[in-house]
C-alpha atoms as a PDB file:
ATOM      1  CA  MET A   1      91.438  81.149  83.027  1.00  0.00           C
ATOM      2  CA  PRO A   2      90.883  83.315  80.167  1.00  0.00           C
ATOM      3  CA  SER A   3      88.357  81.553  77.246  1.00  0.00           C
ATOM      4  CA  PRO A   4      90.530  80.642  73.853  1.00  0.00           C
ATOM      5  CA  SER A   5      88.785  83.287  72.500  1.00  0.00           C
ATOM      6  CA  ALA A   6      89.816  86.196  75.118  1.00  0.00           C
ATOM      7  CA  GLU A   7      92.819  85.257  75.100  1.00  0.00           C
ATOM      8  CA  VAL A   8      93.709  85.779  71.095  1.00  0.00           C
ATOM      9  CA  GLY A   9      93.227  89.394  71.829  1.00  0.00           C
ATOM     10  CA  THR A  10      94.469  89.868  74.883  1.00  0.00           C
ATOM     11  CA  ALA A  11      98.166  87.795  74.765  1.00  0.00           C
ATOM     12  CA  PHE A  12     101.688  88.975  74.585  1.00  0.00           C
ATOM     13  CA  GLN A  13     104.225  87.397  72.567  1.00  0.00           C
ATOM     14  CA  ARG A  14     107.635  90.213  73.393  1.00  0.00           C
ATOM     15  CA  VAL A  15     107.334  90.606  77.649  1.00  0.00           C
ATOM     16  CA  SER A  16     110.677  92.843  78.793  1.00  0.00           C
ATOM     17  CA  ILE A  17     111.034  93.022  82.146  1.00  0.00           C
ATOM     18  CA  ILE A  18     113.159  95.774  83.464  1.00  0.00           C
ATOM     19  CA  GLY A  19     114.923  94.086  86.707  1.00  0.00           C
ATOM     20  CA  LEU A  20     115.462  90.707  87.716  1.00  0.00           C
ATOM     21  CA  GLY A  21     115.322  90.655  91.334  1.00  0.00           C
ATOM     22  CA  LEU A  22     112.510  88.353  93.326  1.00  0.00           C
ATOM     23  CA  ILE A  23     109.903  89.847  91.673  1.00  0.00           C
ATOM     24  CA  GLY A  24     110.764  89.991  88.206  1.00  0.00           C
ATOM     25  CA  SER A  25     112.735  86.606  87.885  1.00  0.00           C
ATOM     26  CA  SER A  26     109.357  85.325  89.188  1.00  0.00           C
ATOM     27  CA  ILE A  27     107.434  86.758  86.468  1.00  0.00           C
ATOM     28  CA  ALA A  28     110.015  85.389  83.946  1.00  0.00           C
ATOM     29  CA  ARG A  29     109.902  81.670  85.830  1.00  0.00           C
ATOM     30  CA  ALA A  30     105.957  82.431  85.235  1.00  0.00           C
ATOM     31  CA  ILE A  31     105.945  82.993  82.176  1.00  0.00           C
ATOM     32  CA  ARG A  32     107.800  80.373  81.327  1.00  0.00           C
ATOM     33  CA  ALA A  33     105.474  78.052  83.529  1.00  0.00           C
ATOM     34  CA  THR A  34     102.518  79.151  81.981  1.00  0.00           C
ATOM     35  CA  MET A  35     102.726  81.122  78.450  1.00  0.00           C
ATOM     36  CA  PRO A  36     105.838  79.228  77.211  1.00  0.00           C
ATOM     37  CA  THR A  37     105.656  80.419  73.536  1.00  0.00           C
ATOM     38  CA  VAL A  38     105.563  83.982  75.264  1.00  0.00           C
ATOM     39  CA  ARG A  39     109.450  85.922  74.573  1.00  0.00           C
ATOM     40  CA  ILE A  40     111.216  87.327  77.069  1.00  0.00           C
ATOM     41  CA  THR A  41     113.653  89.517  76.815  1.00  0.00           C
ATOM     42  CA  GLY A  42     115.161  90.944  80.864  1.00  0.00           C
ATOM     43  CA  TYR A  43     118.004  93.518  82.048  1.00  0.00           C
ATOM     44  CA  ASP A  44     119.153  94.803  85.098  1.00  0.00           C
ATOM     45  CA  ALA A  45     121.271  97.384  85.432  1.00  0.00           C
ATOM     46  CA  ASP A  46     123.697  95.309  87.788  1.00  0.00           C
ATOM     47  CA  PRO A  47     126.073  93.531  85.774  1.00  0.00           C
ATOM     48  CA  ALA A  48     126.362  90.541  88.323  1.00  0.00           C
ATOM     49  CA  VAL A  49     122.956  89.806  88.419  1.00  0.00           C
ATOM     50  CA  ARG A  50     122.779  90.043  84.422  1.00  0.00           C
ATOM     51  CA  GLU A  51     125.512  87.141  84.684  1.00  0.00           C
ATOM     52  CA  ARG A  52     123.708  85.718  86.818  1.00  0.00           C
ATOM     53  CA  ALA A  53     120.511  85.766  85.082  1.00  0.00           C
ATOM     54  CA  ARG A  54     122.031  84.310  81.747  1.00  0.00           C
ATOM     55  CA  ALA A  55     124.101  81.749  84.028  1.00  0.00           C
ATOM     56  CA  ILE A  56     120.456  80.322  85.167  1.00  0.00           C
ATOM     57  CA  ASP A  57     118.573  81.008  81.377  1.00  0.00           C
ATOM     58  CA  LEU A  58     116.366  82.834  83.178  1.00  0.00           C
ATOM     59  CA  CYS A  59     115.068  84.597  80.014  1.00  0.00           C
ATOM     60  CA  ASP A  60     115.496  83.876  76.213  1.00  0.00           C
ATOM     61  CA  ASP A  61     118.013  86.650  75.663  1.00  0.00           C
ATOM     62  CA  ILE A  62     119.627  89.606  78.302  1.00  0.00           C
ATOM     63  CA  ALA A  63     120.388  92.712  77.608  1.00  0.00           C
ATOM     64  CA  ASP A  64     122.743  94.900  78.707  1.00  0.00           C
ATOM     65  CA  ALA A  65     120.719  97.861  78.519  1.00  0.00           C
ATOM     66  CA  ALA A  66     117.648  99.279  79.488  1.00  0.00           C
ATOM     67  CA  GLY A  67     116.588 100.792  75.602  1.00  0.00           C
ATOM     68  CA  THR A  68     118.066  97.037  74.000  1.00  0.00           C
ATOM     69  CA  ALA A  69     115.803  95.250  75.997  1.00  0.00           C
ATOM     70  CA  VAL A  70     112.394  96.815  74.824  1.00  0.00           C
ATOM     71  CA  ILE A  71     112.907  97.163  71.079  1.00  0.00           C
ATOM     72  CA  ASP A  72     110.529  94.429  69.965  1.00  0.00           C
ATOM     73  CA  ALA A  73     108.339  94.013  73.157  1.00  0.00           C
ATOM     74  CA  ASP A  74     104.751  94.482  73.143  1.00  0.00           C
ATOM     75  CA  LEU A  75     104.916  94.303  77.357  1.00  0.00           C
ATOM     76  CA  VAL A  76     107.437  95.760  79.560  1.00  0.00           C
ATOM     77  CA  MET A  77     107.119  94.796  83.050  1.00  0.00           C
ATOM     78  CA  LEU A  78     109.611  97.772  85.548  1.00  0.00           C
ATOM     79  CA  CYS A  79     110.475  95.433  87.980  1.00  0.00           C
ATOM     80  CA  VAL A  80     113.080  98.304  89.725  1.00  0.00           C
ATOM     81  CA  PRO A  81     112.482  99.716  93.215  1.00  0.00           C
ATOM     82  CA  VAL A  82     109.838 102.205  93.060  1.00  0.00           C
ATOM     83  CA  GLY A  83     112.838 104.946  93.450  1.00  0.00           C
ATOM     84  CA  ALA A  84     114.146 104.129  90.405  1.00  0.00           C
ATOM     85  CA  MET A  85     110.899 104.245  88.644  1.00  0.00           C
ATOM     86  CA  GLY A  86     111.237 107.493  86.948  1.00  0.00           C
ATOM     87  CA  ALA A  87     114.848 106.976  86.078  1.00  0.00           C
ATOM     88  CA  THR A  88     114.293 103.207  84.228  1.00  0.00           C
ATOM     89  CA  ALA A  89     111.615 105.273  82.617  1.00  0.00           C
ATOM     90  CA  ALA A  90     113.766 107.524  80.745  1.00  0.00           C
ATOM     91  CA  ALA A  91     115.994 105.098  79.714  1.00  0.00           C
ATOM     92  CA  ILE A  92     113.717 102.719  77.742  1.00  0.00           C
ATOM     93  CA  ALA A  93     112.054 105.929  76.122  1.00  0.00           C
ATOM     94  CA  ALA A  94     113.858 106.048  73.137  1.00  0.00           C
ATOM     95  CA  ASP A  95     113.337 102.551  72.012  1.00  0.00           C
ATOM     96  CA  LEU A  96     110.038 102.077  73.490  1.00  0.00           C
ATOM     97  CA  PRO A  97     107.605 100.607  70.406  1.00  0.00           C
ATOM     98  CA  ALA A  98     104.410 103.025  70.009  1.00  0.00           C
ATOM     99  CA  GLU A  99     102.301 100.293  70.939  1.00  0.00           C
ATOM    100  CA  ALA A 100     103.926  98.507  73.938  1.00  0.00           C
ATOM    101  CA  ILE A 101     102.668  98.211  76.953  1.00  0.00           C
ATOM    102  CA  VAL A 102     104.664  99.745  80.266  1.00  0.00           C
ATOM    103  CA  SER A 103     103.355  98.179  83.758  1.00  0.00           C
ATOM    104  CA  ASP A 104     105.391  97.633  86.665  1.00  0.00           C
ATOM    105  CA  VAL A 105     105.620  95.905  90.242  1.00  0.00           C
ATOM    106  CA  GLY A 106     105.810  98.735  92.227  1.00  0.00           C
ATOM    107  CA  GLY A 107     104.298  98.962  95.731  1.00  0.00           C
ATOM    108  CA  ALA A 108     103.596 102.944  95.612  1.00  0.00           C
ATOM    109  CA  LYS A 109     101.275 103.888  92.988  1.00  0.00           C
ATOM    110  CA  VAL A 110     100.661 107.613  93.120  1.00  0.00           C
ATOM    111  CA  SER A 111     103.734 108.643  93.326  1.00  0.00           C
ATOM    112  CA  VAL A 112     105.123 105.737  90.923  1.00  0.00           C
ATOM    113  CA  ALA A 113     102.614 106.645  88.590  1.00  0.00           C
ATOM    114  CA  ALA A 114     103.531 110.119  87.942  1.00  0.00           C
ATOM    115  CA  ALA A 115     107.310 109.176  87.570  1.00  0.00           C
ATOM    116  CA  ILE A 116     106.703 106.796  84.891  1.00  0.00           C
ATOM    117  CA  ARG A 117     104.338 109.270  83.379  1.00  0.00           C
ATOM    118  CA  ALA A 118     106.287 111.689  83.203  1.00  0.00           C
ATOM    119  CA  HIS A 119     109.206 110.232  81.203  1.00  0.00           C
ATOM    120  CA  LEU A 120     106.884 108.612  79.003  1.00  0.00           C
ATOM    121  CA  PRO A 121     104.435 110.993  77.562  1.00  0.00           C
ATOM    122  CA  GLY A 122     101.805 109.109  75.593  1.00  0.00           C
ATOM    123  CA  ALA A 123     102.712 105.427  76.454  1.00  0.00           C
ATOM    124  CA  THR A 124     100.092 103.218  77.457  1.00  0.00           C
ATOM    125  CA  ILE A 125     100.425 102.663  81.385  1.00  0.00           C
ATOM    126  CA  VAL A 126      98.962 100.516  83.547  1.00  0.00           C
ATOM    127  CA  PRO A 127     100.375 100.765  86.914  1.00  0.00           C
ATOM    128  CA  GLY A 128     100.611  97.648  88.791  1.00  0.00           C
ATOM    129  CA  HIS A 129     101.032  95.730  92.121  1.00  0.00           C
ATOM    130  CA  PRO A 130     100.962  91.854  92.777  1.00  0.00           C
ATOM    131  CA  VAL A 131     100.950  91.466  96.001  1.00  0.00           C
ATOM    132  CA  ALA A 132     103.387  89.347  97.176  1.00  0.00           C
ATOM    133  CA  GLY A 133     107.290  88.594  97.801  1.00  0.00           C
ATOM    134  CA  THR A 134     109.580  87.121 100.478  1.00  0.00           C
ATOM    135  CA  GLU A 135     112.575  87.985 102.270  1.00  0.00           C
ATOM    136  CA  HIS A 136     115.301  87.390  99.267  1.00  0.00           C
ATOM    137  CA  SER A 137     116.045  89.201  96.468  1.00  0.00           C
ATOM    138  CA  GLY A 138     117.800  88.576  93.207  1.00  0.00           C
ATOM    139  CA  PRO A 139     117.686  86.722  90.506  1.00  0.00           C
ATOM    140  CA  ASP A 140     117.570  82.802  92.155  1.00  0.00           C
ATOM    141  CA  ALA A 141     115.367  83.848  94.616  1.00  0.00           C
ATOM    142  CA  GLY A 142     112.687  83.767  92.101  1.00  0.00           C
ATOM    143  CA  PHE A 143     110.257  81.049  91.472  1.00  0.00           C
ATOM    144  CA  SER A 144     106.905  80.516  89.237  1.00  0.00           C
ATOM    145  CA  THR A 145     104.348  79.691  91.762  1.00  0.00           C
ATOM    146  CA  LEU A 146     105.096  82.797  93.943  1.00  0.00           C
ATOM    147  CA  PHE A 147     101.848  84.759  92.512  1.00  0.00           C
ATOM    148  CA  ASN A 148      99.593  81.907  92.277  1.00  0.00           C
ATOM    149  CA  GLY A 149      96.054  83.102  94.721  1.00  0.00           C
ATOM    150  CA  ARG A 150      97.816  86.241  95.501  1.00  0.00           C
ATOM    151  CA  TRP A 151      96.245  89.323  94.744  1.00  0.00           C
ATOM    152  CA  CYS A 152      97.662  92.061  92.093  1.00  0.00           C
ATOM    153  CA  ILE A 153      96.052  94.983  92.118  1.00  0.00           C
ATOM    154  CA  LEU A 154      95.997  97.643  89.231  1.00  0.00           C
ATOM    155  CA  THR A 155      95.721 101.431  89.254  1.00  0.00           C
ATOM    156  CA  PRO A 156      95.107 102.725  85.781  1.00  0.00           C
ATOM    157  CA  ASP A 157      93.479 106.607  85.871  1.00  0.00           C
ATOM    158  CA  ALA A 158      90.774 107.859  83.693  1.00  0.00           C
ATOM    159  CA  ASP A 159      92.625 107.894  80.944  1.00  0.00           C
ATOM    160  CA  THR A 160      94.215 104.375  80.927  1.00  0.00           C
ATOM    161  CA  ASP A 161      92.899 102.638  77.615  1.00  0.00           C
ATOM    162  CA  PRO A 162      90.175  99.860  78.894  1.00  0.00           C
ATOM    163  CA  ALA A 163      91.399  97.260  76.235  1.00  0.00           C
ATOM    164  CA  ALA A 164      94.818  97.864  77.716  1.00  0.00           C
ATOM    165  CA  VAL A 165      93.606  97.640  81.125  1.00  0.00           C
ATOM    166  CA  ALA A 166      91.926  93.782  80.183  1.00  0.00           C
ATOM    167  CA  ARG A 167      95.301  93.006  78.602  1.00  0.00           C
ATOM    168  CA  VAL A 168      97.394  93.028  81.424  1.00  0.00           C
ATOM    169  CA  SER A 169      94.446  91.590  84.172  1.00  0.00           C
ATOM    170  CA  ALA A 170      94.540  88.585  81.392  1.00  0.00           C
ATOM    171  CA  PHE A 171      97.859  88.287  81.894  1.00  0.00           C
ATOM    172  CA  TRP A 172      98.345  88.650  85.145  1.00  0.00           C
ATOM    173  CA  GLU A 173      95.433  85.772  85.918  1.00  0.00           C
ATOM    174  CA  ARG A 174      98.004  83.524  83.617  1.00  0.00           C
ATOM    175  CA  LEU A 175     100.382  83.679  86.202  1.00  0.00           C
ATOM    176  CA  GLY A 176      98.269  82.652  88.965  1.00  0.00           C
ATOM    177  CA  ALA A 177      97.160  85.973  90.264  1.00  0.00           C
ATOM    178  CA  GLN A 178      93.759  87.169  91.276  1.00  0.00           C
ATOM    179  CA  VAL A 179      93.046  90.823  89.793  1.00  0.00           C
ATOM    180  CA  GLU A 180      91.798  94.184  91.614  1.00  0.00           C
ATOM    181  CA  ILE A 181      91.378  97.391  90.090  1.00  0.00           C
ATOM    182  CA  MET A 182      91.637 100.395  92.671  1.00  0.00           C
ATOM    183  CA  ASP A 183      92.057 103.512  92.740  1.00  0.00           C
ATOM    184  CA  ALA A 184      96.303 104.869  93.173  1.00  0.00           C
ATOM    185  CA  ARG A 185      95.403 106.925  96.498  1.00  0.00           C
ATOM    186  CA  HIS A 186      93.336 103.960  97.833  1.00  0.00           C
ATOM    187  CA  HIS A 187      95.590 101.376  96.742  1.00  0.00           C
ATOM    188  CA  ASP A 188      98.664 102.982  98.914  1.00  0.00           C
ATOM    189  CA  LEU A 189      96.264 103.737 101.577  1.00  0.00           C
ATOM    190  CA  VAL A 190      95.727 100.114 101.885  1.00  0.00           C
ATOM    191  CA  LEU A 191      99.091  98.676 101.785  1.00  0.00           C
ATOM    192  CA  ALA A 192     100.271 101.338 104.123  1.00  0.00           C
ATOM    193  CA  VAL A 193      98.073  99.021 106.646  1.00  0.00           C
ATOM    194  CA  THR A 194      98.641  95.758 105.610  1.00  0.00           C
ATOM    195  CA  SER A 195     102.438  96.060 104.314  1.00  0.00           C
ATOM    196  CA  HIS A 196     104.556  99.170 104.634  1.00  0.00           C
ATOM    197  CA  VAL A 197     104.062 100.311 108.397  1.00  0.00           C
ATOM    198  CA  PRO A 198     104.055  96.790 109.517  1.00  0.00           C
ATOM    199  CA  HIS A 199     107.555  96.495 107.687  1.00  0.00           C
ATOM    200  CA  LEU A 200     108.236  99.613 109.421  1.00  0.00           C
ATOM    201  CA  ILE A 201     107.623  98.438 112.813  1.00  0.00           C
ATOM    202  CA  ALA A 202     109.715  95.455 112.287  1.00  0.00           C
ATOM    203  CA  TYR A 203     112.269  96.767 111.380  1.00  0.00           C
ATOM    204  CA  SER A 204     111.952  99.327 114.162  1.00  0.00           C
ATOM    205  CA  ILE A 205     111.384  96.563 116.205  1.00  0.00           C
ATOM    206  CA  VAL A 206     114.660  94.640 115.413  1.00  0.00           C
ATOM    207  CA  GLY A 207     116.485  96.951 115.719  1.00  0.00           C
ATOM    208  CA  THR A 208     115.529  98.302 119.031  1.00  0.00           C
ATOM    209  CA  ALA A 209     117.083  94.659 120.183  1.00  0.00           C
ATOM    210  CA  SER A 210     120.131  95.601 118.249  1.00  0.00           C
ATOM    211  CA  ASP A 211     120.079  98.529 120.411  1.00  0.00           C
ATOM    212  CA  LEU A 212     120.343  96.508 123.516  1.00  0.00           C
ATOM    213  CA  GLU A 213     123.367  94.809 122.538  1.00  0.00           C
ATOM    214  CA  GLU A 214     124.223  92.751 125.832  1.00  0.00           C
ATOM    215  CA  VAL A 215     120.987  91.340 125.617  1.00  0.00           C
ATOM    216  CA  THR A 216     120.739  90.370 121.582  1.00  0.00           C
ATOM    217  CA  GLN A 217     124.038  89.084 121.726  1.00  0.00           C
ATOM    218  CA  SER A 218     122.774  86.371 124.139  1.00  0.00           C
ATOM    219  CA  GLU A 219     118.928  85.850 125.400  1.00  0.00           C
ATOM    220  CA  VAL A 220     116.788  87.791 122.254  1.00  0.00           C
ATOM    221  CA  ILE A 221     118.739  85.598 119.864  1.00  0.00           C
ATOM    222  CA  LYS A 222     118.625  82.475 121.529  1.00  0.00           C
ATOM    223  CA  PHE A 223     115.316  82.257 122.662  1.00  0.00           C
ATOM    224  CA  SER A 224     113.449  83.967 119.626  1.00  0.00           C
ATOM    225  CA  ALA A 225     109.808  82.601 119.634  1.00  0.00           C
ATOM    226  CA  GLY A 226     107.299  82.470 117.169  1.00  0.00           C
ATOM    227  CA  GLY A 227     107.132  86.819 117.383  1.00  0.00           C
ATOM    228  CA  PHE A 228     110.413  88.052 117.420  1.00  0.00           C
ATOM    229  CA  ARG A 229     111.438  85.379 114.758  1.00  0.00           C
ATOM    230  CA  ASP A 230     108.998  86.535 112.117  1.00  0.00           C
ATOM    231  CA  PHE A 231     109.895  90.291 112.797  1.00  0.00           C
ATOM    232  CA  THR A 232     112.726  89.055 111.888  1.00  0.00           C
ATOM    233  CA  ARG A 233     112.025  87.333 108.815  1.00  0.00           C
ATOM    234  CA  ILE A 234     110.181  90.494 107.654  1.00  0.00           C
ATOM    235  CA  ALA A 235     112.890  92.953 108.491  1.00  0.00           C
ATOM    236  CA  ALA A 236     115.271  90.875 106.505  1.00  0.00           C
ATOM    237  CA  SER A 237     113.128  92.276 103.333  1.00  0.00           C
ATOM    238  CA  ASP A 238     115.431  94.179 100.385  1.00  0.00           C
ATOM    239  CA  PRO A 239     116.409  97.303 102.179  1.00  0.00           C
ATOM    240  CA  THR A 240     116.681  99.321  99.102  1.00  0.00           C
ATOM    241  CA  MET A 241     113.276  98.476  98.006  1.00  0.00           C
ATOM    242  CA  TRP A 242     111.953  99.393 101.449  1.00  0.00           C
ATOM    243  CA  ARG A 243     113.211 102.712 102.047  1.00  0.00           C
ATOM    244  CA  ASP A 244     112.475 103.983  98.553  1.00  0.00           C
ATOM    245  CA  VAL A 245     108.628 102.869  99.633  1.00  0.00           C
ATOM    246  CA  PHE A 246     108.637 104.768 102.622  1.00  0.00           C
ATOM    247  CA  LEU A 247     109.552 107.546 100.605  1.00  0.00           C
ATOM    248  CA  ASN A 248     107.337 107.370  97.944  1.00  0.00           C
ATOM    249  CA  ASN A 249     104.321 106.844  99.980  1.00  0.00           C
ATOM    250  CA  ARG A 250     105.070 109.012 102.963  1.00  0.00           C
ATOM    251  CA  GLU A 251     101.788 110.564 103.332  1.00  0.00           C
ATOM    252  CA  ALA A 252      99.670 106.940 103.610  1.00  0.00           C
ATOM    253  CA  VAL A 253     102.585 105.995 105.795  1.00  0.00           C
ATOM    254  CA  LEU A 254     102.336 108.769 108.351  1.00  0.00           C
ATOM    255  CA  GLU A 255      98.891 109.214 108.266  1.00  0.00           C
ATOM    256  CA  ILE A 256      98.907 105.062 109.665  1.00  0.00           C
ATOM    257  CA  LEU A 257     101.773 105.750 111.836  1.00  0.00           C
ATOM    258  CA  GLN A 258      99.699 108.015 113.419  1.00  0.00           C
ATOM    259  CA  ARG A 259      96.808 106.489 114.358  1.00  0.00           C
ATOM    260  CA  LEU A 260      98.614 103.192 115.193  1.00  0.00           C
ATOM    261  CA  THR A 261     100.784 106.072 117.566  1.00  0.00           C
ATOM    262  CA  GLU A 262      96.988 106.814 118.962  1.00  0.00           C
ATOM    263  CA  ASP A 263      95.964 103.197 119.134  1.00  0.00           C
ATOM    264  CA  VAL A 264      99.391 101.863 120.770  1.00  0.00           C
ATOM    265  CA  THR A 265      98.952 105.407 123.933  1.00  0.00           C
ATOM    266  CA  MET A 266      95.335 103.452 124.320  1.00  0.00           C
ATOM    267  CA  LEU A 267      96.996 100.012 124.945  1.00  0.00           C
ATOM    268  CA  GLN A 268      99.679 102.144 127.064  1.00  0.00           C
ATOM    269  CA  ARG A 269      97.115 103.356 129.649  1.00  0.00           C
ATOM    270  CA  ALA A 270      95.189  99.813 129.656  1.00  0.00           C
ATOM    271  CA  ILE A 271      97.835  98.361 130.973  1.00  0.00           C
ATOM    272  CA  ARG A 272      98.681 100.607 133.325  1.00  0.00           C
ATOM    273  CA  TRP A 273      95.403 100.981 134.598  1.00  0.00           C
ATOM    274  CA  GLY A 274      95.048  97.015 134.475  1.00  0.00           C
ATOM    275  CA  ASP A 275      92.216  97.509 132.327  1.00  0.00           C
ATOM    276  CA  GLY A 276      91.888  94.217 131.445  1.00  0.00           C
ATOM    277  CA  ASP A 277      88.575  94.456 129.172  1.00  0.00           C
ATOM    278  CA  ALA A 278      90.153  96.585 127.073  1.00  0.00           C
ATOM    279  CA  LEU A 279      93.278  94.332 126.454  1.00  0.00           C
ATOM    280  CA  PHE A 280      90.399  91.373 125.746  1.00  0.00           C
ATOM    281  CA  ASP A 281      88.459  92.961 123.622  1.00  0.00           C
ATOM    282  CA  LEU A 282      90.994  94.100 121.435  1.00  0.00           C
ATOM    283  CA  PHE A 283      92.609  90.858 121.139  1.00  0.00           C
ATOM    284  CA  THR A 284      89.642  89.092 120.386  1.00  0.00           C
ATOM    285  CA  ARG A 285      88.897  91.458 117.547  1.00  0.00           C
ATOM    286  CA  THR A 286      92.361  91.341 116.592  1.00  0.00           C
ATOM    287  CA  ARG A 287      91.890  87.464 116.304  1.00  0.00           C
ATOM    288  CA  ALA A 288      89.005  87.424 114.510  1.00  0.00           C
ATOM    289  CA  ILE A 289      91.035  89.357 111.329  1.00  0.00           C
ATOM    290  CA  ARG A 290      93.946  86.837 111.362  1.00  0.00           C
ATOM    291  CA  ARG A 291      90.940  83.828 110.698  1.00  0.00           C
ATOM    292  CA  SER A 292      89.635  86.109 108.012  1.00  0.00           C
ATOM    293  CA  ILE A 293      93.197  86.205 106.680  1.00  0.00           C
ATOM    294  CA  ILE A 294      93.126  82.056 106.797  1.00  0.00           C
ATOM    295  CA  GLU A 295      89.956  82.024 105.309  1.00  0.00           C
ATOM    296  CA  GLN A 296      90.305  83.998 102.397  1.00  0.00           C
ATOM    297  CA  GLY A 297      93.162  81.540 101.135  1.00  0.00           C
ATOM    298  CA  GLN A 298      96.450  84.402 101.979  1.00  0.00           C
ATOM    299  CA  ASP A 299      97.518  82.477 104.848  1.00  0.00           C
ATOM    300  CA  THR A 300      97.640  78.980 106.578  1.00  0.00           C
ATOM    301  CA  ASP A 301      96.443  77.617 109.902  1.00  0.00           C
ATOM    302  CA  ALA A 302      99.406  75.342 109.939  1.00  0.00           C
ATOM    303  CA  THR A 303     101.322  74.905 112.775  1.00  0.00           C
ATOM    304  CA  ASP A 304     103.537  77.969 113.647  1.00  0.00           C
ATOM    305  CA  PHE A 305     102.258  79.909 110.247  1.00  0.00           C
ATOM    306  CA  GLY A 306     103.350  76.367 107.816  1.00  0.00           C
ATOM    307  CA  ARG A 307     107.379  78.242 108.556  1.00  0.00           C
ATOM    308  CA  GLN A 308     110.031  75.734 109.635  1.00  0.00           C
ATOM    309  CA  GLY A 309     112.898  76.074 111.134  1.00  0.00           C
END
């Protein structure tokens, strides 16, 4: 928690959230819970989402145009799919206050930062990515504690104002997140390993099961245990968001997929030739990684990973 003196220089008074899905609505709820004096204006391109956001009193005001939403903002959070970041930046360009800081929550940073900067030349931009989420989407899916104990990665470039980075860092810390500053290309490679390729594998596994319809309609669904069930949980994530992530982080994803293909080939060889030692060594190493994730507070060791049903 920032000290009161630090907070004076870093706090935002008027936050605009563009995109009111899981992340955007969670930011709104977290601001309400931790910074109740901050005024929140929201906007979503979907009229039905705007109406729902009004119905649940998600923000202090819901605008009917992206530009209108940012007119008096000192922080603008772009919470749209990464493929829509450029168009969204263009939509707010004419109305963005000169002193406002623009950030985002996109899962790919090199392409997203380039798209935003192309449409907002001269703006203060601090790209970001809260590494948090669920398989649910929409304004009702958000909750105020989504970011508690999770990482938010900021990827400013060499020309980004350090004071702006400090303000955005303090903002995320107030929402409960831990903040890490990282090079954008390095972020994209790290997230390809930890998030993007695992999601691609989940989509692939569940798609394979679906193709085997005579099995999927009975045994696979009926006898789903933790492994396949957790794949389906991951594969239920927002399809638009993940389509855009893969297309906007293609280089890093393809690099990790190539490495994965080589590793899977090694496993095929070990199984084919009955090399139990190679399998045991790999499984022992990966088990230690799982324990490290628990020790760092990024998951729980509760039975069935703490998930019910």
